[in-house]
């Protein structure tokens, strides 16, 4: 794991290497959790643009928007491409499951992102989540 880890309660490492700081029950962990809950609640209110329940993500190219799944999603192989279409502030929101349950899991599955300038896949995850305007 590259990055910091926070836990409100006990933190048990089952053998993973953590390249960062472990914040356990301190103010940093409490503040991070409060920020997470605030963002989660805000994103939960955003209306779905496209319901992809039952559709495989592999092989699809998605433009910015809100994509919903009624339940957990499992992918096995293939690539999902997120295409910003030239917008450096593009946002994709994936709402998976209901009432806070659900997950996106997979094996041999990858996400590729395209930038405006090069149209070449680049790293695309970073920053902090926010509701779209």
Protein backbone atom coordinates (compact mmCIF):
# COMPACT_ATOMS: atom_id res chain seq x y z
CA UNK A 1 0.00 0.00 0.00
CA UNK A 2 1.44 3.33 -1.03
CA UNK A 3 -0.01 6.10 1.07
CA UNK A 4 -1.31 6.77 4.52
CA UNK A 5 -3.81 4.54 6.30
CA UNK A 6 -6.30 5.63 8.90
CA UNK A 7 -8.38 3.58 11.33
CA UNK A 8 -10.85 4.76 13.93
CA UNK A 9 -10.36 1.53 15.88
CA UNK A 10 -7.74 -1.15 15.96
CA UNK A 11 -5.55 -1.53 12.88
CA UNK A 12 -4.41 -5.05 12.04
CA UNK A 13 -1.90 -5.49 9.27
CA UNK A 14 -2.06 -9.01 7.83
CA UNK A 15 1.34 -8.82 6.19
CA UNK A 16 1.00 -5.97 3.72
CA UNK A 17 3.69 -3.34 3.42
CA UNK A 18 2.43 0.15 4.20
CA UNK A 19 4.57 2.84 2.62
CA UNK A 20 3.11 5.69 4.60
CA UNK A 21 1.88 6.59 8.05
CA UNK A 22 -0.70 4.57 9.96
CA UNK A 23 -3.07 6.90 11.84
CA UNK A 24 -4.91 4.90 14.46
CA UNK A 25 -7.72 6.51 16.43
CA UNK A 26 -6.08 9.92 16.44
CA UNK A 27 -7.39 13.27 15.22
CA UNK A 28 -6.05 12.72 11.69
CA UNK A 29 -8.04 9.48 11.38
CA UNK A 30 -11.15 11.08 12.87
CA UNK A 31 -10.94 14.07 10.50
CA UNK A 32 -10.34 11.81 7.48
CA UNK A 33 -13.36 9.70 8.36
CA UNK A 34 -15.56 12.79 8.78
CA UNK A 35 -14.41 14.08 5.38
CA UNK A 36 -15.12 10.67 3.81
CA UNK A 37 -18.65 10.53 5.26
CA UNK A 38 -19.35 14.09 4.08
CA UNK A 39 -18.19 13.35 0.51
CA UNK A 40 -19.97 9.98 0.45
CA UNK A 41 -23.26 11.57 1.50
CA UNK A 42 -22.90 14.34 -1.10
CA UNK A 43 -22.14 11.88 -3.89
CA UNK A 44 -25.03 9.62 -2.90
CA UNK A 45 -27.43 12.47 -3.75
CA UNK A 46 -26.14 12.91 -7.31
CA UNK A 47 -28.65 11.59 -9.85
CA UNK A 48 -27.67 8.70 -12.07
CA UNK A 49 -27.06 9.43 -15.77
CA UNK A 50 -26.74 5.82 -16.96
CA UNK A 51 -27.63 2.56 -15.21
CA UNK A 52 -25.12 -0.09 -16.26
CA UNK A 53 -26.53 -2.95 -14.19
CA UNK A 54 -25.82 -6.25 -15.92
CA UNK A 55 -23.52 -4.71 -18.53
CA UNK A 56 -19.82 -5.53 -18.61
CA UNK A 57 -17.47 -2.58 -18.21
CA UNK A 58 -14.68 -4.24 -20.17
CA UNK A 59 -14.46 -2.81 -23.65
CA UNK A 60 -16.56 0.26 -22.88
CA UNK A 61 -15.47 3.87 -23.22
CA UNK A 62 -17.25 6.14 -20.75
CA UNK A 63 -17.43 9.91 -20.95
CA UNK A 64 -17.77 11.97 -17.74
CA UNK A 65 -20.97 11.27 -15.87
CA UNK A 66 -22.69 9.33 -13.13
CA UNK A 67 -22.87 5.59 -13.71
CA UNK A 68 -25.00 3.36 -11.49
CA UNK A 69 -25.23 -0.33 -10.72
CA UNK A 70 -28.02 -1.87 -8.65
CA UNK A 71 -25.67 -4.33 -6.95
CA UNK A 72 -22.04 -5.35 -6.73
CA UNK A 73 -20.06 -5.54 -9.96
CA UNK A 74 -17.42 -8.14 -10.78
CA UNK A 75 -15.22 -7.85 -13.86
CA UNK A 76 -12.89 -10.53 -15.18
CA UNK A 77 -10.54 -9.29 -17.87
CA UNK A 78 -10.63 -6.40 -20.27
CA UNK A 79 -10.20 -2.65 -20.07
CA UNK A 80 -12.60 0.16 -19.21
CA UNK A 81 -11.60 3.46 -20.83
CA UNK A 82 -12.53 6.77 -19.22
CA UNK A 83 -12.45 9.49 -21.91
CA UNK A 84 -12.43 13.08 -20.61
CA UNK A 85 -13.10 14.45 -24.11
CA UNK A 86 -10.70 17.30 -23.52
CA UNK A 87 -12.06 18.38 -20.14
CA UNK A 88 -9.22 18.54 -17.58
CA UNK A 89 -11.83 18.69 -14.77
CA UNK A 90 -13.84 15.68 -15.94
CA UNK A 91 -15.54 13.64 -13.23
CA UNK A 92 -16.85 10.08 -13.23
CA UNK A 93 -18.99 8.90 -10.35
CA UNK A 94 -19.72 5.20 -9.93
CA UNK A 95 -22.64 4.45 -7.59
CA UNK A 96 -22.62 0.75 -6.83
CA UNK A 97 -25.27 -0.99 -4.76
CA UNK A 98 -27.87 0.48 -2.46
CA UNK A 99 -27.83 1.79 1.08
CA UNK A 100 -24.06 1.88 1.20
CA UNK A 101 -23.54 -1.71 0.08
CA UNK A 102 -21.83 -2.86 -3.07
CA UNK A 103 -18.40 -3.14 -4.57
CA UNK A 104 -16.48 -3.12 -7.82
CA UNK A 105 -14.14 -6.10 -7.89
CA UNK A 106 -12.32 -7.94 -10.59
CA UNK A 107 -9.38 -9.95 -11.77
CA UNK A 108 -7.30 -9.06 -14.79
CA UNK A 109 -9.34 -5.90 -15.22
CA UNK A 110 -7.85 -2.46 -15.79
CA UNK A 111 -8.94 1.13 -16.27
CA UNK A 112 -7.37 3.28 -18.96
CA UNK A 113 -7.78 7.04 -19.14
CA UNK A 114 -7.32 9.36 -22.08
CA UNK A 115 -6.08 12.92 -21.77
CA UNK A 116 -7.17 15.78 -23.95
CA UNK A 117 -3.78 16.52 -25.47
CA UNK A 118 -2.31 13.16 -26.32
CA UNK A 119 -5.29 10.78 -26.38
CA UNK A 120 -2.86 8.32 -24.88
CA UNK A 121 -3.80 6.38 -21.74
CA UNK A 122 -2.43 8.00 -18.60
CA UNK A 123 -2.86 7.72 -14.86
CA UNK A 124 -6.21 9.23 -14.05
CA UNK A 125 -6.97 8.69 -10.38
CA UNK A 126 -6.09 11.41 -7.98
CA UNK A 127 -7.36 14.41 -6.12
CA UNK A 128 -10.43 14.25 -3.98
CA UNK A 129 -13.98 13.29 -4.90
CA UNK A 130 -16.54 16.03 -5.27
CA UNK A 131 -20.11 16.29 -6.50
CA UNK A 132 -20.32 17.47 -10.05
CA UNK A 133 -21.88 20.89 -10.66
